[in-house]
Each structure stands twice: as structure tokens, then as C-alpha cells.
Amino acid sequence: MRNVYLCENSAEGIFSAVYRAYEDRHGHRNNQIQVKEEDFNRQLFCEYIPVETDFERAVKVAGTVQRDVSGQAYEFLHKVSVSYRTDKADAMYRLIIEGLYMGNRALQHLTAPHMQILCDIEKHVDNEICHFVQFLRFEELENGALFARINPKNAILPYMADHFADRFYEERWVIADTVHRTVLIHDRGEAVIYAAMEEVNPDELQLAYSEEEETMRKLWKVFVDKIAIKERINPNLQRQMLPLRFRKYMKEFNEQ
């Protein structure tokens, strides 16, 4: 009988499941951790065990990883935990098991199946962070604050905070993740606040823009149109360099 621990899709949820798997002592070979989804295929000869997120237990697992494996391993696990991929959970579990035996050397075990999965996930997360840092478009609101929206596959918003806090330290700005319903809020000279917006759809917010924003938006679209060389337009190359999914909130691709 295989024990499948169903957990919330978050670092805290996965760490809670890891704690429960160790606590139950069924043997790691007989365990699997799986992100709980609305629809998933149940397998024969498996006992499905729902695990509620327990922040106290999650903190204990995080502390154990930092102390007995390494801070680098913890940061690696936390980054891959923001991925949309559900196979991350069991791969993270396998890395923790190996890390408690091998220490930080477990991160160098690149031929292990779980490390191949995790490295692929980390690469995808890093690429998406890089893309949205470059493609994000701020808009100036009537009150002078800057507002931007992104629609990432992964919950990468916290990993964008330092970049924009450093670059726009003296500005008031907000970045909203419309997929995961989270937001970064920054006031002049203050620390960045990361919060959930579960009851608010960022796409449905009624925003009042400044007059300067309306003017600059028109000028920017004219500029983008004028610098294009019609004879050299290559839609396939453009989609390769700037995939369609990144264009939703880029004003140069908005017809309004």
C-alpha cells in the first residue's frame, strides 16, 4: 500500500506534508506527496491522506532544512515551490530526504530524477521572473502612484520585490498578480508589503489615470509604431522573443 499525502499548493503546505510523512513512519519508499487538485486520477493500492497546512510544522521543517542541509537548499526549495507544476511536491520531498543524509551535496546529485525535475522547474521560474521584470509596464494613477499587472504561470511576485524596491525606492507603486490574486505594495522609502487579494479581482479594478499617463501612453504607442521597419517585420521571431502570454498588459499591444 502506497501512502499519498495530499497537500496545499504552497511551500507551507508541502512542508506540512513532509512533516506528516516523517511522523507516520511508513518508510519513505512507501510515501508520495502530491499537490491537492480538484480533479486528479486516483491510483489503485494507494491510501490518500489529506494534510492540512500547519504553519508551526512547516516552520520546523524549514528550520531543519536550513540547519541540517543548508541555507542554499532551503532557498532552492522555496523557489521551486512557487511553480505551477504539481510534480514539484514529491521531488522536494525526495531532496529533503537525501539532503538530511548527504547534506548540501544533495544539490549536486544532478543525475537523480527528483533533481532533474527540480532543476527544470527552477530554470522555468527564473526565466519567468526575468521576463516579467523586463516586460512589466507601470501606469501612473491620478494620485501619482504607479500601478502594474502581471499574469504569470508561477507565483513569482515575491521574487520581483527587491528589483523594483531598489529601482523605485522613492516611488509609491503596486504590482498585482492577476492569476494568483496577490499584490506587492511599496510606499516611498518603506519596505515592500506582500499581500493576498483573494476577494478582489485585479482585472476588474476601476482605475483613474493621470493626464500625463494618458498622453505618455499615446506617445509610446506612436513611438513603437514609428520605429518599426515594415519590410523587416517578422511575427514568428517576435513571438519567440516576446511570447503572446506576456503581452496582455503591455500598452503597445493594446488597441485601446
Protein backbone atom coordinates (compact mmCIF):
# COMPACT_ATOMS: atom_id res chain seq x y z
CA MET A 1 0.00 0.00 0.00
CA ARG A 2 1.36 3.40 -1.03
CA ASN A 3 0.61 6.42 1.14
CA VAL A 4 -0.15 9.56 -0.87
CA TYR A 5 -0.19 12.77 1.17
CA LEU A 6 -2.40 15.44 -0.41
CA CYS A 7 -1.29 18.96 0.43
CA GLU A 8 -1.92 22.61 -0.39
CA ASN A 9 -0.06 24.11 -3.34
CA SER A 10 2.39 26.19 -1.32
CA ALA A 11 5.74 25.83 0.42
CA GLU A 12 3.94 25.68 3.76
CA GLY A 13 1.55 23.01 2.52
CA ILE A 14 4.33 20.83 1.10
CA PHE A 15 6.48 21.20 4.22
CA SER A 16 3.46 20.24 6.35
CA ALA A 17 3.08 17.06 4.28
CA VAL A 18 6.81 16.29 4.67
CA TYR A 19 6.44 16.59 8.46
CA ARG A 20 3.42 14.25 8.41
CA ALA A 21 5.26 11.71 6.22
CA TYR A 22 8.15 11.59 8.70
CA GLU A 23 5.76 11.46 11.64
CA ASP A 24 3.79 8.47 10.28
CA ARG A 25 6.96 6.37 9.78
CA HIS A 26 5.62 4.27 6.90
CA GLY A 27 9.00 4.36 5.16
CA HIS A 28 9.90 6.91 2.52
CA ARG A 29 9.74 4.36 -0.29
CA ASN A 30 6.09 3.82 0.52
CA ASN A 31 5.23 7.53 0.58
CA GLN A 32 4.38 10.13 -2.04
CA ILE A 33 3.49 13.80 -1.65
CA GLN A 34 1.04 15.24 -4.13
CA VAL A 35 -0.44 18.71 -4.51
CA LYS A 36 -4.18 18.53 -3.92
CA GLU A 37 -6.13 19.34 -7.11
CA GLU A 38 -9.84 19.43 -7.82
CA ASP A 39 -9.56 16.63 -10.37
CA PHE A 40 -6.80 14.06 -10.28
CA ASN A 41 -6.55 10.41 -11.19
CA ARG A 42 -6.61 8.12 -8.19
CA GLN A 43 -4.45 5.03 -8.42
CA LEU A 44 -5.13 1.54 -7.13
CA PHE A 45 -3.48 0.30 -3.94
CA CYS A 46 -2.97 3.83 -2.62
CA GLU A 47 -4.20 5.39 0.59
CA TYR A 48 -4.86 9.11 0.11
CA ILE A 49 -4.18 11.15 3.23
CA PRO A 50 -5.31 14.82 3.26
CA VAL A 51 -2.86 17.10 5.08
CA GLU A 52 -3.96 20.46 6.44
CA THR A 53 -1.38 23.23 6.24
CA ASP A 54 0.20 23.66 9.65
CA PHE A 55 2.48 26.69 9.77
CA GLU A 56 4.17 25.57 13.00
CA ARG A 57 5.12 22.23 11.46
CA ALA A 58 6.15 23.90 8.19
CA VAL A 59 8.49 26.21 10.11
CA LYS A 60 10.05 23.20 11.85
CA VAL A 61 10.75 21.51 8.51
CA ALA A 62 12.15 24.75 7.07
CA GLY A 63 14.41 25.15 10.11
CA THR A 64 15.62 21.55 9.84
CA VAL A 65 16.50 22.02 6.16
CA GLN A 66 18.41 25.22 6.90
CA ARG A 67 20.26 23.69 9.84
CA ASP A 68 20.95 20.12 8.65
CA VAL A 69 21.16 20.59 4.88
CA SER A 70 21.98 24.23 4.06
CA GLY A 71 20.51 27.68 3.57
CA GLN A 72 21.14 27.24 -0.15
CA ALA A 73 18.97 24.11 -0.19
CA TYR A 74 16.16 25.92 1.63
CA GLU A 75 16.24 28.84 -0.83
CA PHE A 76 16.25 26.38 -3.73
CA LEU A 77 13.25 24.51 -2.33
CA HIS A 78 11.36 27.72 -1.66
CA LYS A 79 11.89 28.98 -5.20
CA VAL A 80 10.68 25.77 -6.85
CA SER A 81 7.67 25.75 -4.52
CA VAL A 82 6.20 28.77 -6.36
CA SER A 83 5.98 26.74 -9.60
CA TYR A 84 2.63 25.83 -11.13
CA ARG A 85 3.85 22.25 -11.69
CA THR A 86 2.34 19.71 -9.31
CA ASP A 87 5.20 17.18 -9.59
CA LYS A 88 7.35 19.58 -7.55
CA ALA A 89 5.93 18.33 -4.23
CA ASP A 90 7.27 14.79 -4.29
CA ALA A 91 10.55 15.93 -5.86
CA MET A 92 11.01 18.40 -2.98
CA TYR A 93 10.29 15.60 -0.52
CA ARG A 94 12.97 13.39 -2.14
CA LEU A 95 15.53 16.20 -1.99
CA ILE A 96 14.84 16.77 1.71
CA ILE A 97 15.26 13.03 2.42
CA GLU A 98 18.55 12.92 0.54
CA GLY A 99 19.70 16.25 1.99
CA LEU A 100 19.28 15.06 5.57
CA TYR A 101 21.56 12.15 4.69
CA MET A 102 24.08 13.86 2.38
CA GLY A 103 23.92 17.48 3.47
CA ASN A 104 24.38 20.20 0.86
CA ARG A 105 25.97 17.65 -1.53
CA ALA A 106 22.43 16.54 -2.37
CA LEU A 107 22.10 19.65 -4.56
CA GLN A 108 24.98 18.33 -6.70
CA HIS A 109 23.29 14.97 -7.29
CA LEU A 110 22.07 16.16 -10.69
CA THR A 111 21.51 12.67 -12.11
CA ALA A 112 18.81 11.92 -9.53
CA PRO A 113 15.31 12.01 -11.11
CA HIS A 114 13.99 14.41 -8.46
CA MET A 115 16.87 16.85 -9.06
CA GLN A 116 16.26 16.79 -12.81
CA ILE A 117 12.64 17.76 -12.15
CA LEU A 118 13.58 20.48 -9.65
CA CYS A 119 16.32 22.00 -11.82
CA ASP A 120 13.94 22.15 -14.78
CA ILE A 121 11.35 23.86 -12.56
CA GLU A 122 13.90 26.35 -11.19
CA LYS A 123 15.00 27.26 -14.73
CA HIS A 124 11.40 27.93 -15.77
CA VAL A 125 10.74 30.05 -12.67
CA ASP A 126 13.94 32.08 -13.17
CA ASN A 127 13.12 32.67 -16.83
CA GLU A 128 9.64 33.91 -15.99
CA ILE A 129 10.97 36.24 -13.29
CA CYS A 130 13.46 37.66 -15.81
CA HIS A 131 10.76 38.13 -18.45
CA PHE A 132 8.30 39.93 -16.20
CA VAL A 133 10.97 42.18 -14.71
CA GLN A 134 11.72 43.31 -18.26
CA PHE A 135 8.20 43.37 -19.69
CA LEU A 136 6.26 44.85 -16.76
CA ARG A 137 4.53 48.16 -17.58
CA PHE A 138 3.70 50.70 -14.86
CA GLU A 139 0.83 53.16 -15.25
CA GLU A 140 0.58 56.42 -13.32
CA LEU A 141 -2.65 56.79 -11.40
CA GLU A 142 -4.46 60.02 -10.63
CA ASN A 143 -2.94 60.13 -7.14
CA GLY A 144 0.60 59.80 -8.51
CA ALA A 145 1.10 56.14 -7.56
CA LEU A 146 2.38 53.63 -10.10
CA PHE A 147 0.31 50.53 -10.83
CA ALA A 148 1.14 47.40 -12.85
CA ARG A 149 -0.40 43.99 -13.50
CA ILE A 150 1.20 40.68 -14.44
CA ASN A 151 -0.24 37.27 -15.34
CA PRO A 152 2.49 34.69 -14.54
CA LYS A 153 2.14 30.91 -14.56
CA ASN A 154 4.22 30.71 -11.37
CA ALA A 155 3.67 32.65 -8.14
CA ILE A 156 6.82 34.73 -8.72
CA LEU A 157 5.69 38.07 -7.33
CA PRO A 158 7.82 37.96 -4.12
CA TYR A 159 10.93 37.40 -6.24
CA MET A 160 10.31 40.66 -8.09
CA ALA A 161 10.12 42.78 -4.95
CA ASP A 162 13.82 43.55 -4.43
CA HIS A 163 14.36 44.65 -8.03
CA PHE A 164 11.58 47.22 -8.06
CA ALA A 165 12.10 48.32 -4.45
CA ASP A 166 15.68 49.18 -5.35
CA ARG A 167 14.86 50.80 -8.68
CA PHE A 168 11.82 52.79 -7.48
CA TYR A 169 12.74 53.36 -3.85
CA GLU A 170 11.28 56.88 -3.75
CA GLU A 171 8.06 55.98 -5.57
CA ARG A 172 4.71 54.65 -4.45
CA TRP A 173 3.87 51.60 -6.52
CA VAL A 174 1.71 48.50 -6.64
CA ILE A 175 2.20 45.31 -8.67
CA ALA A 176 -0.76 42.92 -8.85
CA ASP A 177 -0.61 39.26 -9.86
CA THR A 178 -3.98 38.69 -11.55
CA VAL A 179 -3.57 34.90 -11.66
CA HIS A 180 -2.66 34.16 -8.04
CA ARG A 181 -4.53 37.19 -6.61
CA THR A 182 -1.53 38.61 -4.75
CA VAL A 183 -0.03 42.08 -4.64
CA LEU A 184 3.19 43.94 -3.82
CA ILE A 185 2.70 47.36 -2.18
CA HIS A 186 5.51 49.87 -1.76
CA ASP A 187 5.45 53.31 -0.19
CA ARG A 188 8.23 55.88 -0.51
CA GLY A 189 11.29 54.73 1.43
CA GLU A 190 9.44 51.86 3.07
CA ALA A 191 9.69 48.07 2.92
CA VAL A 192 7.62 46.16 0.38
CA ILE A 193 4.41 44.53 1.61
CA TYR A 194 3.28 41.24 0.05
CA ALA A 195 -0.42 40.51 0.50
CA ALA A 196 -3.27 38.37 -0.83
CA MET A 197 -6.20 39.81 -2.81
CA GLU A 198 -8.47 36.78 -2.70
CA GLU A 199 -11.69 38.79 -2.65
CA VAL A 200 -10.64 41.30 -5.31
CA ASN A 201 -10.09 40.66 -9.00
CA PRO A 202 -7.25 43.00 -10.09
CA ASP A 203 -8.58 42.90 -13.66
CA GLU A 204 -11.87 44.41 -12.52
CA LEU A 205 -10.41 47.36 -10.62
CA GLN A 206 -11.70 50.75 -11.79
CA LEU A 207 -8.56 52.85 -12.07
CA ALA A 208 -8.31 56.60 -12.62
CA TYR A 209 -5.21 57.52 -14.61
CA SER A 210 -3.38 60.83 -14.58
CA GLU A 211 -3.49 63.11 -17.62
CA GLU A 212 0.23 62.59 -18.11
CA GLU A 213 -0.29 58.82 -18.23
CA GLU A 214 -2.88 59.09 -21.00
CA THR A 215 -0.55 61.33 -23.01
CA MET A 216 2.52 59.16 -22.48
CA ARG A 217 0.55 56.03 -23.42
CA LYS A 218 -0.36 57.55 -26.78
CA LEU A 219 3.18 58.80 -27.38
CA TRP A 220 4.65 55.41 -26.50
CA LYS A 221 2.38 53.61 -28.99
CA VAL A 222 3.27 56.12 -31.70
CA PHE A 223 6.97 55.63 -30.94
CA VAL A 224 6.70 51.83 -31.13
CA ASP A 225 4.82 52.05 -34.45
CA LYS A 226 7.23 54.54 -35.99
CA ILE A 227 10.47 52.72 -35.18
CA ALA A 228 9.19 49.52 -36.77
CA ILE A 229 10.51 48.75 -40.26
CA LYS A 230 7.56 47.21 -42.09
CA GLU A 231 9.75 45.31 -44.56
CA ARG A 232 11.54 43.59 -41.70
CA ILE A 233 8.58 42.67 -39.53
CA ASN A 234 8.91 39.01 -38.53
CA PRO A 235 5.91 37.85 -36.43
CA ASN A 236 7.43 34.41 -35.74
CA LEU A 237 10.65 35.90 -34.38
CA GLN A 238 8.66 38.47 -32.41
CA ARG A 239 6.60 35.74 -30.76
CA GLN A 240 9.80 33.85 -29.96
CA MET A 241 11.39 36.88 -28.27
CA LEU A 242 8.14 38.13 -26.72
CA PRO A 243 5.58 35.31 -26.29
CA LEU A 244 1.91 36.24 -26.56
CA ARG A 245 1.17 35.47 -22.91
CA PHE A 246 3.40 38.36 -21.79
CA ARG A 247 1.56 40.96 -23.88
CA LYS A 248 -1.76 41.20 -22.06
CA TYR A 249 -0.79 44.29 -20.05
CA MET A 250 1.72 45.81 -22.48
CA LYS A 251 0.18 49.00 -23.83
CA GLU A 252 1.94 48.83 -27.20
CA PHE A 253 -0.08 45.69 -27.95
CA ASN A 254 -3.34 47.11 -26.60
CA GLU A 255 -5.63 48.58 -29.24
CA GLN A 256 -7.49 50.80 -26.81
